[in-house]
Amino acid sequence: MKFRKYIFLALMPLLILTGCQTNSMNQVMETSDSQVALRQIQTRAFDTTNRTKTLRTVIATLQDLGFVIDKADDELGTVSGTKLDGYQLRMTVTVRPRGKTQTLVRANATYNVTPVEDPMPYQQFFVALEKAMFLTAHEVD
């Protein structure tokens, strides 16, 4: 009888931990839903096929917003910049073709080393970029 008591006490923590396990499929689906929502905030399509001009406009927009450009790669279609204004906000922007008539611009921001999920920095960037893209398309300096 004592032996059964010890086995029960030894197995009790395992039973408790097993009861706390959540459905991993639900966790995966929740993560992918939040990632899809974040990607929608981070991405805009523009009606242009000129990737180089778009990259230059992205660089100018980041500089207008107070970012210092760390790296720009025309071959990869990426631009990275850092904004040091009492904090360290880093934004990496990728430009790639979308179909035959559009270019897709995706911004990815990190605050220190934490990914930014707040839509505000992305909205500010894309509002400024949309204005700059309009002026560039209409050749206004």
C-alpha atoms as a PDB file:
ATOM      1  CA  MET A   1       0.000   0.000   0.000  1.00  0.00           C
ATOM      2  CA  LYS A   2       2.870   2.388   0.822  1.00  0.00           C
ATOM      3  CA  PHE A   3       4.435   1.543  -2.531  1.00  0.00           C
ATOM      4  CA  ARG A   4       1.327   2.705  -4.395  1.00  0.00           C
ATOM      5  CA  LYS A   5       1.312   5.949  -2.449  1.00  0.00           C
ATOM      6  CA  TYR A   6       4.905   6.696  -3.519  1.00  0.00           C
ATOM      7  CA  ILE A   7       4.141   5.877  -7.155  1.00  0.00           C
ATOM      8  CA  PHE A   8       1.105   8.141  -7.029  1.00  0.00           C
ATOM      9  CA  LEU A   9       3.149  10.996  -5.507  1.00  0.00           C
ATOM     10  CA  ALA A  10       5.862  10.490  -8.125  1.00  0.00           C
ATOM     11  CA  LEU A  11       3.400  10.518 -11.025  1.00  0.00           C
ATOM     12  CA  MET A  12       1.253  13.402  -9.740  1.00  0.00           C
ATOM     13  CA  PRO A  13       3.477  16.222 -11.160  1.00  0.00           C
ATOM     14  CA  LEU A  14       3.434  14.517 -14.561  1.00  0.00           C
ATOM     15  CA  LEU A  15      -0.339  14.333 -14.519  1.00  0.00           C
ATOM     16  CA  ILE A  16      -0.606  18.000 -13.574  1.00  0.00           C
ATOM     17  CA  LEU A  17       1.802  19.090 -16.329  1.00  0.00           C
ATOM     18  CA  THR A  18      -0.010  16.963 -18.900  1.00  0.00           C
ATOM     19  CA  GLY A  19      -3.269  18.655 -17.994  1.00  0.00           C
ATOM     20  CA  CYS A  20      -1.690  22.078 -18.676  1.00  0.00           C
ATOM     21  CA  GLN A  21      -0.657  21.265 -22.220  1.00  0.00           C
ATOM     22  CA  THR A  22      -2.507  23.282 -24.813  1.00  0.00           C
ATOM     23  CA  ASN A  23      -3.392  22.263 -28.301  1.00  0.00           C
ATOM     24  CA  SER A  24      -0.277  23.077 -30.339  1.00  0.00           C
ATOM     25  CA  MET A  25      -2.340  23.357 -33.534  1.00  0.00           C
ATOM     26  CA  ASN A  26      -4.289  26.243 -31.964  1.00  0.00           C
ATOM     27  CA  GLN A  27      -1.030  27.947 -31.016  1.00  0.00           C
ATOM     28  CA  VAL A  28       0.270  27.653 -34.569  1.00  0.00           C
ATOM     29  CA  MET A  29      -2.952  29.024 -36.030  1.00  0.00           C
ATOM     30  CA  GLU A  30      -3.032  31.969 -33.593  1.00  0.00           C
ATOM     31  CA  THR A  31       0.571  32.821 -34.426  1.00  0.00           C
ATOM     32  CA  SER A  32      -0.016  32.671 -38.164  1.00  0.00           C
ATOM     33  CA  ASP A  33      -3.151  34.845 -37.867  1.00  0.00           C
ATOM     34  CA  SER A  34      -1.221  37.518 -35.972  1.00  0.00           C
ATOM     35  CA  GLN A  35       1.651  37.269 -38.453  1.00  0.00           C
ATOM     36  CA  VAL A  36      -0.737  37.739 -41.376  1.00  0.00           C
ATOM     37  CA  ALA A  37      -2.246  40.809 -39.707  1.00  0.00           C
ATOM     38  CA  LEU A  38       1.235  42.229 -39.051  1.00  0.00           C
ATOM     39  CA  ARG A  39       2.295  41.562 -42.651  1.00  0.00           C
ATOM     40  CA  GLN A  40      -0.746  43.514 -43.878  1.00  0.00           C
ATOM     41  CA  ILE A  41       0.343  46.472 -41.766  1.00  0.00           C
ATOM     42  CA  GLN A  42       3.926  46.194 -43.045  1.00  0.00           C
ATOM     43  CA  THR A  43       3.201  45.889 -46.777  1.00  0.00           C
ATOM     44  CA  ARG A  44       1.957  48.204 -49.545  1.00  0.00           C
ATOM     45  CA  ALA A  45       1.768  47.777 -53.321  1.00  0.00           C
ATOM     46  CA  PHE A  46       2.603  50.603 -55.711  1.00  0.00           C
ATOM     47  CA  ASP A  47       1.723  50.915 -59.385  1.00  0.00           C
ATOM     48  CA  THR A  48       5.259  51.063 -60.723  1.00  0.00           C
ATOM     49  CA  THR A  49       7.793  48.584 -62.016  1.00  0.00           C
ATOM     50  CA  ASN A  50      10.841  50.794 -61.488  1.00  0.00           C
ATOM     51  CA  ARG A  51      12.490  49.146 -58.484  1.00  0.00           C
ATOM     52  CA  THR A  52      15.560  51.391 -58.480  1.00  0.00           C
ATOM     53  CA  LYS A  53      13.452  54.559 -58.397  1.00  0.00           C
ATOM     54  CA  THR A  54      11.314  53.033 -55.643  1.00  0.00           C
ATOM     55  CA  LEU A  55      14.427  52.194 -53.601  1.00  0.00           C
ATOM     56  CA  ARG A  56      15.685  55.759 -53.977  1.00  0.00           C
ATOM     57  CA  THR A  57      12.307  57.076 -52.868  1.00  0.00           C
ATOM     58  CA  VAL A  58      12.373  54.727 -49.846  1.00  0.00           C
ATOM     59  CA  ILE A  59      15.836  56.054 -48.909  1.00  0.00           C
ATOM     60  CA  ALA A  60      14.685  59.669 -49.209  1.00  0.00           C
ATOM     61  CA  THR A  61      11.529  58.940 -47.188  1.00  0.00           C
ATOM     62  CA  LEU A  62      13.480  57.273 -44.373  1.00  0.00           C
ATOM     63  CA  GLN A  63      15.876  60.229 -44.278  1.00  0.00           C
ATOM     64  CA  ASP A  64      12.945  62.678 -44.202  1.00  0.00           C
ATOM     65  CA  LEU A  65      11.591  60.766 -41.186  1.00  0.00           C
ATOM     66  CA  GLY A  66      14.916  61.153 -39.350  1.00  0.00           C
ATOM     67  CA  PHE A  67      16.494  57.787 -40.106  1.00  0.00           C
ATOM     68  CA  VAL A  68      20.189  57.402 -40.843  1.00  0.00           C
ATOM     69  CA  ILE A  69      20.675  54.932 -43.690  1.00  0.00           C
ATOM     70  CA  ASP A  70      22.860  52.040 -42.534  1.00  0.00           C
ATOM     71  CA  LYS A  71      22.756  49.894 -45.632  1.00  0.00           C
ATOM     72  CA  ALA A  72      21.208  49.990 -49.090  1.00  0.00           C
ATOM     73  CA  ASP A  73      21.491  47.130 -51.565  1.00  0.00           C
ATOM     74  CA  ASP A  74      20.052  47.610 -55.048  1.00  0.00           C
ATOM     75  CA  GLU A  75      20.804  43.990 -55.936  1.00  0.00           C
ATOM     76  CA  LEU A  76      18.713  42.615 -53.038  1.00  0.00           C
ATOM     77  CA  GLY A  77      16.227  45.468 -53.046  1.00  0.00           C
ATOM     78  CA  THR A  78      16.711  46.325 -49.372  1.00  0.00           C
ATOM     79  CA  VAL A  79      17.311  49.476 -47.347  1.00  0.00           C
ATOM     80  CA  SER A  80      18.032  49.606 -43.608  1.00  0.00           C
ATOM     81  CA  GLY A  81      18.011  52.696 -41.447  1.00  0.00           C
ATOM     82  CA  THR A  82      18.228  53.587 -37.769  1.00  0.00           C
ATOM     83  CA  LYS A  83      16.498  56.413 -35.947  1.00  0.00           C
ATOM     84  CA  LEU A  84      18.225  57.528 -32.746  1.00  0.00           C
ATOM     85  CA  ASP A  85      15.899  59.901 -30.948  1.00  0.00           C
ATOM     86  CA  GLY A  86      16.083  58.784 -27.328  1.00  0.00           C
ATOM     87  CA  TYR A  87      15.495  55.236 -28.541  1.00  0.00           C
ATOM     88  CA  GLN A  88      16.770  52.968 -31.266  1.00  0.00           C
ATOM     89  CA  LEU A  89      14.214  52.263 -33.968  1.00  0.00           C
ATOM     90  CA  ARG A  90      15.573  50.269 -36.887  1.00  0.00           C
ATOM     91  CA  MET A  91      13.603  49.815 -40.065  1.00  0.00           C
ATOM     92  CA  THR A  92      14.430  47.498 -42.943  1.00  0.00           C
ATOM     93  CA  VAL A  93      12.484  47.964 -46.149  1.00  0.00           C
ATOM     94  CA  THR A  94      12.343  45.401 -48.953  1.00  0.00           C
ATOM     95  CA  VAL A  95      11.260  46.272 -52.488  1.00  0.00           C
ATOM     96  CA  ARG A  96      10.297  43.529 -54.923  1.00  0.00           C
ATOM     97  CA  PRO A  97       8.184  43.136 -58.060  1.00  0.00           C
ATOM     98  CA  ARG A  98       4.559  42.081 -57.798  1.00  0.00           C
ATOM     99  CA  GLY A  99       3.167  40.850 -61.057  1.00  0.00           C
ATOM    100  CA  LYS A 100       3.884  42.831 -64.206  1.00  0.00           C
ATOM    101  CA  THR A 101       2.631  46.263 -63.126  1.00  0.00           C
ATOM    102  CA  GLN A 102       3.329  46.673 -59.407  1.00  0.00           C
ATOM    103  CA  THR A 103       6.099  46.858 -56.864  1.00  0.00           C
ATOM    104  CA  LEU A 104       5.635  45.532 -53.328  1.00  0.00           C
ATOM    105  CA  VAL A 105       7.217  47.454 -50.450  1.00  0.00           C
ATOM    106  CA  ARG A 106       7.490  45.787 -47.056  1.00  0.00           C
ATOM    107  CA  ALA A 107       8.818  47.527 -43.958  1.00  0.00           C
ATOM    108  CA  ASN A 108      10.006  45.681 -40.882  1.00  0.00           C
ATOM    109  CA  ALA A 109      10.741  47.716 -37.740  1.00  0.00           C
ATOM    110  CA  THR A 110      12.463  46.775 -34.494  1.00  0.00           C
ATOM    111  CA  TYR A 111      12.674  48.795 -31.304  1.00  0.00           C
ATOM    112  CA  ASN A 112      16.059  48.003 -29.788  1.00  0.00           C
ATOM    113  CA  VAL A 113      15.856  44.242 -30.519  1.00  0.00           C
ATOM    114  CA  THR A 114      12.086  43.778 -30.141  1.00  0.00           C
ATOM    115  CA  PRO A 115       9.918  43.545 -33.289  1.00  0.00           C
ATOM    116  CA  VAL A 116       7.471  46.448 -33.587  1.00  0.00           C
ATOM    117  CA  GLU A 117       3.869  45.279 -33.862  1.00  0.00           C
ATOM    118  CA  ASP A 118       2.292  48.690 -33.278  1.00  0.00           C
ATOM    119  CA  PRO A 119       0.882  49.923 -36.616  1.00  0.00           C
ATOM    120  CA  MET A 120       1.800  53.605 -35.997  1.00  0.00           C
ATOM    121  CA  PRO A 121       5.454  53.596 -37.237  1.00  0.00           C
ATOM    122  CA  TYR A 122       4.423  51.644 -40.341  1.00  0.00           C
ATOM    123  CA  GLN A 123       1.522  54.012 -41.045  1.00  0.00           C
ATOM    124  CA  GLN A 124       3.800  57.042 -40.686  1.00  0.00           C
ATOM    125  CA  PHE A 125       6.336  55.522 -43.046  1.00  0.00           C
ATOM    126  CA  PHE A 126       3.792  54.513 -45.690  1.00  0.00           C
ATOM    127  CA  VAL A 127       1.924  57.849 -45.607  1.00  0.00           C
ATOM    128  CA  ALA A 128       5.225  59.642 -46.233  1.00  0.00           C
ATOM    129  CA  LEU A 129       6.271  57.086 -48.865  1.00  0.00           C
ATOM    130  CA  GLU A 130       2.938  57.351 -50.711  1.00  0.00           C
ATOM    131  CA  LYS A 131       3.341  61.127 -50.929  1.00  0.00           C
ATOM    132  CA  ALA A 132       6.928  60.778 -52.125  1.00  0.00           C
ATOM    133  CA  MET A 133       5.967  58.123 -54.688  1.00  0.00           C
ATOM    134  CA  PHE A 134       3.223  60.408 -56.015  1.00  0.00           C
ATOM    135  CA  LEU A 135       5.646  63.333 -56.344  1.00  0.00           C
ATOM    136  CA  THR A 136       8.264  61.093 -57.980  1.00  0.00           C
ATOM    137  CA  ALA A 137       5.728  59.692 -60.447  1.00  0.00           C
ATOM    138  CA  HIS A 138       4.698  63.209 -61.428  1.00  0.00           C
ATOM    139  CA  GLU A 139       8.333  64.387 -61.522  1.00  0.00           C
ATOM    140  CA  VAL A 140       7.834  67.075 -58.894  1.00  0.00           C
ATOM    141  CA  ASP A 141      11.021  68.085 -57.043  1.00  0.00           C
END
